[in-house]
Amino acid sequence: MCLGIPGEIVELMADRADFAMVSVAGVKRVVNIGLLEDEELKAGDWILIHVGFALSKIDEEEAAHAIRMLEGMGQAYTDELIALAQSDLGVQP
């Protein structure tokens, strides 16, 4: 199963405009935000992520709802977090 999981942007990477440091379930991870080039992103914004790529910008209420729903899915959510943790975009924080 493929899931999108919410993450909060911690910082935009100054030297790489297409990457951001994002907190997902308490773990900080570099995420490619290149697909959202038309969005004005900043620290504190929430994004929907799948295997290291931001798919859309979402608001905090939507993120909280999605997290509750995903946690209720049990193993599928855990598997998606593992996939995110294993994704390597080749960018050092």
N, C-alpha and C. Protein backbone atom coordinates (compact mmCIF):
# COMPACT_ATOMS: atom_id res chain seq x y z
N MET A 1 0.84 -1.17 0.00
CA MET A 1 0.00 0.00 0.00
C MET A 1 0.88 1.24 0.00
N CYS A 2 0.51 2.24 -0.75
CA CYS A 2 1.26 3.49 -0.80
C CYS A 2 0.45 4.57 -0.11
N LEU A 3 1.05 5.20 0.88
CA LEU A 3 0.40 6.24 1.64
C LEU A 3 1.19 7.53 1.58
N GLY A 4 0.49 8.64 1.66
CA GLY A 4 1.15 9.92 1.84
C GLY A 4 1.08 10.24 3.32
N ILE A 5 2.18 10.69 3.90
CA ILE A 5 2.19 11.00 5.31
C ILE A 5 2.52 12.48 5.52
N PRO A 6 1.91 13.11 6.50
CA PRO A 6 2.17 14.52 6.77
C PRO A 6 3.51 14.73 7.45
N GLY A 7 4.14 15.82 7.08
CA GLY A 7 5.37 16.23 7.73
C GLY A 7 5.41 17.74 7.82
N GLU A 8 6.08 18.25 8.85
CA GLU A 8 6.18 19.69 9.05
C GLU A 8 7.56 20.17 8.63
N ILE A 9 7.59 21.19 7.79
CA ILE A 9 8.86 21.75 7.35
C ILE A 9 9.55 22.41 8.53
N VAL A 10 10.79 21.99 8.77
CA VAL A 10 11.61 22.56 9.84
C VAL A 10 12.44 23.71 9.28
N GLU A 11 13.02 23.49 8.10
CA GLU A 11 13.78 24.55 7.44
C GLU A 11 13.92 24.25 5.96
N LEU A 12 13.98 25.30 5.18
CA LEU A 12 14.27 25.17 3.76
C LEU A 12 15.79 25.17 3.62
N MET A 13 16.33 24.32 2.78
CA MET A 13 17.77 24.22 2.63
C MET A 13 18.26 25.35 1.73
N ALA A 14 19.06 26.23 2.30
CA ALA A 14 19.50 27.43 1.59
C ALA A 14 20.29 27.12 0.32
N ASP A 15 21.08 26.07 0.35
CA ASP A 15 21.92 25.75 -0.80
C ASP A 15 21.22 24.87 -1.84
N ARG A 16 20.03 24.36 -1.53
CA ARG A 16 19.27 23.50 -2.44
C ARG A 16 17.80 23.86 -2.36
N ALA A 17 17.34 24.71 -3.24
CA ALA A 17 15.97 25.22 -3.19
C ALA A 17 14.91 24.13 -3.32
N ASP A 18 15.28 22.97 -3.84
CA ASP A 18 14.31 21.90 -4.04
C ASP A 18 14.27 20.88 -2.89
N PHE A 19 14.93 21.22 -1.76
CA PHE A 19 14.94 20.32 -0.61
C PHE A 19 14.63 21.08 0.68
N ALA A 20 14.02 20.36 1.62
CA ALA A 20 13.72 20.92 2.94
C ALA A 20 13.95 19.86 4.00
N MET A 21 14.28 20.31 5.20
CA MET A 21 14.35 19.42 6.35
C MET A 21 12.94 19.38 6.92
N VAL A 22 12.41 18.17 7.07
CA VAL A 22 11.02 17.99 7.49
C VAL A 22 10.97 17.04 8.68
N SER A 23 10.09 17.32 9.62
CA SER A 23 9.87 16.44 10.76
C SER A 23 8.66 15.57 10.47
N VAL A 24 8.90 14.25 10.48
CA VAL A 24 7.84 13.27 10.24
C VAL A 24 7.81 12.34 11.45
N ALA A 25 6.72 12.36 12.16
CA ALA A 25 6.56 11.52 13.36
C ALA A 25 7.75 11.68 14.30
N GLY A 26 8.25 12.92 14.42
CA GLY A 26 9.35 13.21 15.33
C GLY A 26 10.73 12.97 14.77
N VAL A 27 10.83 12.45 13.55
CA VAL A 27 12.12 12.19 12.93
C VAL A 27 12.35 13.22 11.83
N LYS A 28 13.53 13.86 11.86
CA LYS A 28 13.86 14.86 10.84
C LYS A 28 14.47 14.17 9.64
N ARG A 29 14.02 14.57 8.46
CA ARG A 29 14.42 13.92 7.22
C ARG A 29 14.46 14.96 6.11
N VAL A 30 15.43 14.83 5.19
CA VAL A 30 15.48 15.68 4.01
C VAL A 30 14.44 15.18 3.02
N VAL A 31 13.61 16.10 2.52
CA VAL A 31 12.54 15.77 1.59
C VAL A 31 12.66 16.65 0.36
N ASN A 32 12.41 16.06 -0.80
CA ASN A 32 12.42 16.81 -2.05
C ASN A 32 11.10 17.56 -2.17
N ILE A 33 11.16 18.89 -2.28
CA ILE A 33 9.96 19.71 -2.40
C ILE A 33 9.83 20.29 -3.81
N GLY A 34 10.59 19.76 -4.74
CA GLY A 34 10.61 20.28 -6.10
C GLY A 34 9.26 20.23 -6.81
N LEU A 35 8.41 19.27 -6.47
CA LEU A 35 7.10 19.19 -7.10
C LEU A 35 6.17 20.31 -6.64
N LEU A 36 6.57 21.02 -5.60
CA LEU A 36 5.74 22.10 -5.06
C LEU A 36 6.34 23.47 -5.37
N GLU A 37 7.04 23.57 -6.48
CA GLU A 37 7.74 24.81 -6.81
C GLU A 37 6.82 26.02 -6.94
N ASP A 38 5.53 25.81 -7.18
CA ASP A 38 4.59 26.92 -7.30
C ASP A 38 4.00 27.35 -5.95
N GLU A 39 4.31 26.62 -4.89
CA GLU A 39 3.83 26.95 -3.55
C GLU A 39 4.85 27.82 -2.83
N GLU A 40 4.37 28.71 -2.00
CA GLU A 40 5.26 29.49 -1.14
C GLU A 40 5.41 28.71 0.17
N LEU A 41 6.51 28.01 0.31
CA LEU A 41 6.74 27.17 1.49
C LEU A 41 7.67 27.87 2.47
N LYS A 42 7.42 27.60 3.76
CA LYS A 42 8.27 28.16 4.81
C LYS A 42 8.27 27.20 5.99
N ALA A 43 9.20 27.40 6.92
CA ALA A 43 9.24 26.59 8.13
C ALA A 43 7.88 26.70 8.83
N GLY A 44 7.38 25.56 9.30
CA GLY A 44 6.09 25.51 9.96
C GLY A 44 4.97 25.04 9.06
N ASP A 45 5.19 25.07 7.74
CA ASP A 45 4.18 24.57 6.80
C ASP A 45 4.15 23.05 6.85
N TRP A 46 2.97 22.49 6.56
CA TRP A 46 2.78 21.04 6.51
C TRP A 46 2.69 20.60 5.06
N ILE A 47 3.30 19.45 4.78
CA ILE A 47 3.26 18.88 3.43
C ILE A 47 2.91 17.40 3.52
N LEU A 48 2.38 16.88 2.44
CA LEU A 48 2.07 15.47 2.34
C LEU A 48 3.22 14.81 1.58
N ILE A 49 3.82 13.77 2.15
CA ILE A 49 5.05 13.17 1.63
C ILE A 49 4.83 11.71 1.28
N HIS A 50 5.45 11.29 0.18
CA HIS A 50 5.48 9.87 -0.16
C HIS A 50 6.89 9.53 -0.60
N VAL A 51 7.54 8.63 0.11
CA VAL A 51 8.89 8.12 -0.15
C VAL A 51 9.88 9.25 -0.49
N GLY A 52 9.87 10.28 0.37
CA GLY A 52 10.88 11.32 0.25
C GLY A 52 10.52 12.49 -0.65
N PHE A 53 9.33 12.49 -1.23
CA PHE A 53 8.91 13.57 -2.12
C PHE A 53 7.63 14.22 -1.59
N ALA A 54 7.62 15.55 -1.55
CA ALA A 54 6.42 16.27 -1.14
C ALA A 54 5.45 16.29 -2.30
N LEU A 55 4.21 15.87 -2.03
CA LEU A 55 3.18 15.81 -3.07
C LEU A 55 2.25 17.01 -3.06
N SER A 56 2.00 17.55 -1.86
CA SER A 56 1.12 18.72 -1.76
C SER A 56 1.33 19.42 -0.43
N LYS A 57 0.92 20.69 -0.40
CA LYS A 57 0.93 21.45 0.84
C LYS A 57 -0.44 21.27 1.48
N ILE A 58 -0.47 21.04 2.79
CA ILE A 58 -1.73 20.87 3.51
C ILE A 58 -1.71 21.78 4.73
N ASP A 59 -2.89 22.02 5.30
CA ASP A 59 -2.91 22.85 6.51
C ASP A 59 -2.74 21.96 7.75
N GLU A 60 -2.51 22.61 8.88
CA GLU A 60 -2.22 21.88 10.12
C GLU A 60 -3.39 21.00 10.55
N GLU A 61 -4.61 21.48 10.37
CA GLU A 61 -5.79 20.69 10.73
C GLU A 61 -5.89 19.42 9.88
N GLU A 62 -5.65 19.55 8.59
CA GLU A 62 -5.67 18.39 7.70
C GLU A 62 -4.55 17.41 8.08
N ALA A 63 -3.38 17.96 8.43
CA ALA A 63 -2.25 17.11 8.84
C ALA A 63 -2.61 16.31 10.09
N ALA A 64 -3.20 16.98 11.08
CA ALA A 64 -3.57 16.29 12.33
C ALA A 64 -4.60 15.20 12.06
N HIS A 65 -5.57 15.49 11.22
CA HIS A 65 -6.58 14.49 10.87
C HIS A 65 -5.94 13.30 10.16
N ALA A 66 -5.05 13.58 9.21
CA ALA A 66 -4.38 12.50 8.47
C ALA A 66 -3.54 11.63 9.40
N ILE A 67 -2.84 12.26 10.34
CA ILE A 67 -2.01 11.51 11.28
C ILE A 67 -2.88 10.57 12.12
N ARG A 68 -4.01 11.08 12.61
CA ARG A 68 -4.92 10.22 13.39
C ARG A 68 -5.41 9.04 12.56
N MET A 69 -5.79 9.30 11.33
CA MET A 69 -6.28 8.24 10.45
C MET A 69 -5.17 7.23 10.16
N LEU A 70 -3.97 7.71 9.87
CA LEU A 70 -2.86 6.83 9.56
C LEU A 70 -2.47 5.96 10.76
N GLU A 71 -2.45 6.57 11.94
CA GLU A 71 -2.12 5.79 13.14
C GLU A 71 -3.12 4.67 13.35
N GLY A 72 -4.37 4.90 12.96
CA GLY A 72 -5.39 3.88 13.07
C GLY A 72 -5.22 2.74 12.09
N MET A 73 -4.40 2.94 11.06
CA MET A 73 -4.16 1.90 10.06
C MET A 73 -3.11 0.89 10.51
N GLY A 74 -2.42 1.19 11.60
CA GLY A 74 -1.45 0.25 12.15
C GLY A 74 -0.26 -0.01 11.25
N GLN A 75 -0.12 -1.24 10.80
CA GLN A 75 1.08 -1.68 10.09
C GLN A 75 1.31 -0.93 8.78
N ALA A 76 0.27 -0.57 8.07
CA ALA A 76 0.45 0.16 6.81
C ALA A 76 1.14 1.49 7.06
N TYR A 77 0.78 2.17 8.14
CA TYR A 77 1.42 3.43 8.50
C TYR A 77 2.86 3.19 8.91
N THR A 78 3.09 2.17 9.70
CA THR A 78 4.45 1.82 10.11
C THR A 78 5.32 1.52 8.88
N ASP A 79 4.77 0.77 7.93
CA ASP A 79 5.51 0.45 6.70
C ASP A 79 5.88 1.70 5.92
N GLU A 80 4.97 2.66 5.87
CA GLU A 80 5.24 3.91 5.14
C GLU A 80 6.33 4.71 5.85
N LEU A 81 6.32 4.74 7.17
CA LEU A 81 7.37 5.43 7.91
C LEU A 81 8.72 4.77 7.67
N ILE A 82 8.73 3.45 7.60
CA ILE A 82 9.97 2.72 7.31
C ILE A 82 10.47 3.06 5.91
N ALA A 83 9.56 3.10 4.93
CA ALA A 83 9.94 3.43 3.56
C ALA A 83 10.53 4.84 3.49
N LEU A 84 9.95 5.78 4.22
CA LEU A 84 10.48 7.13 4.25
C LEU A 84 11.87 7.14 4.88
N ALA A 85 12.03 6.44 5.98
CA ALA A 85 13.33 6.39 6.66
C ALA A 85 14.41 5.78 5.78
N GLN A 86 14.02 4.85 4.91
CA GLN A 86 15.00 4.17 4.05
C GLN A 86 15.26 4.91 2.77
N SER A 87 14.41 5.90 2.43
CA SER A 87 14.63 6.64 1.19
C SER A 87 15.87 7.52 1.36
N ASP A 88 16.69 7.55 0.35
CA ASP A 88 17.92 8.35 0.39
C ASP A 88 17.97 9.21 -0.85
N LEU A 89 17.81 10.49 -0.67
CA LEU A 89 17.81 11.40 -1.82
C LEU A 89 19.22 11.91 -2.13
N GLY A 90 20.20 11.40 -1.40
CA GLY A 90 21.58 11.78 -1.66
C GLY A 90 21.93 13.20 -1.24
N VAL A 91 21.13 13.79 -0.36
CA VAL A 91 21.36 15.15 0.12
C VAL A 91 21.64 15.08 1.60
N GLN A 92 22.72 15.69 2.01
CA GLN A 92 23.08 15.74 3.43
C GLN A 92 22.45 16.97 4.05
N PRO A 93 21.92 16.84 5.28
CA PRO A 93 21.31 17.98 5.96
C PRO A 93 22.30 19.08 6.28
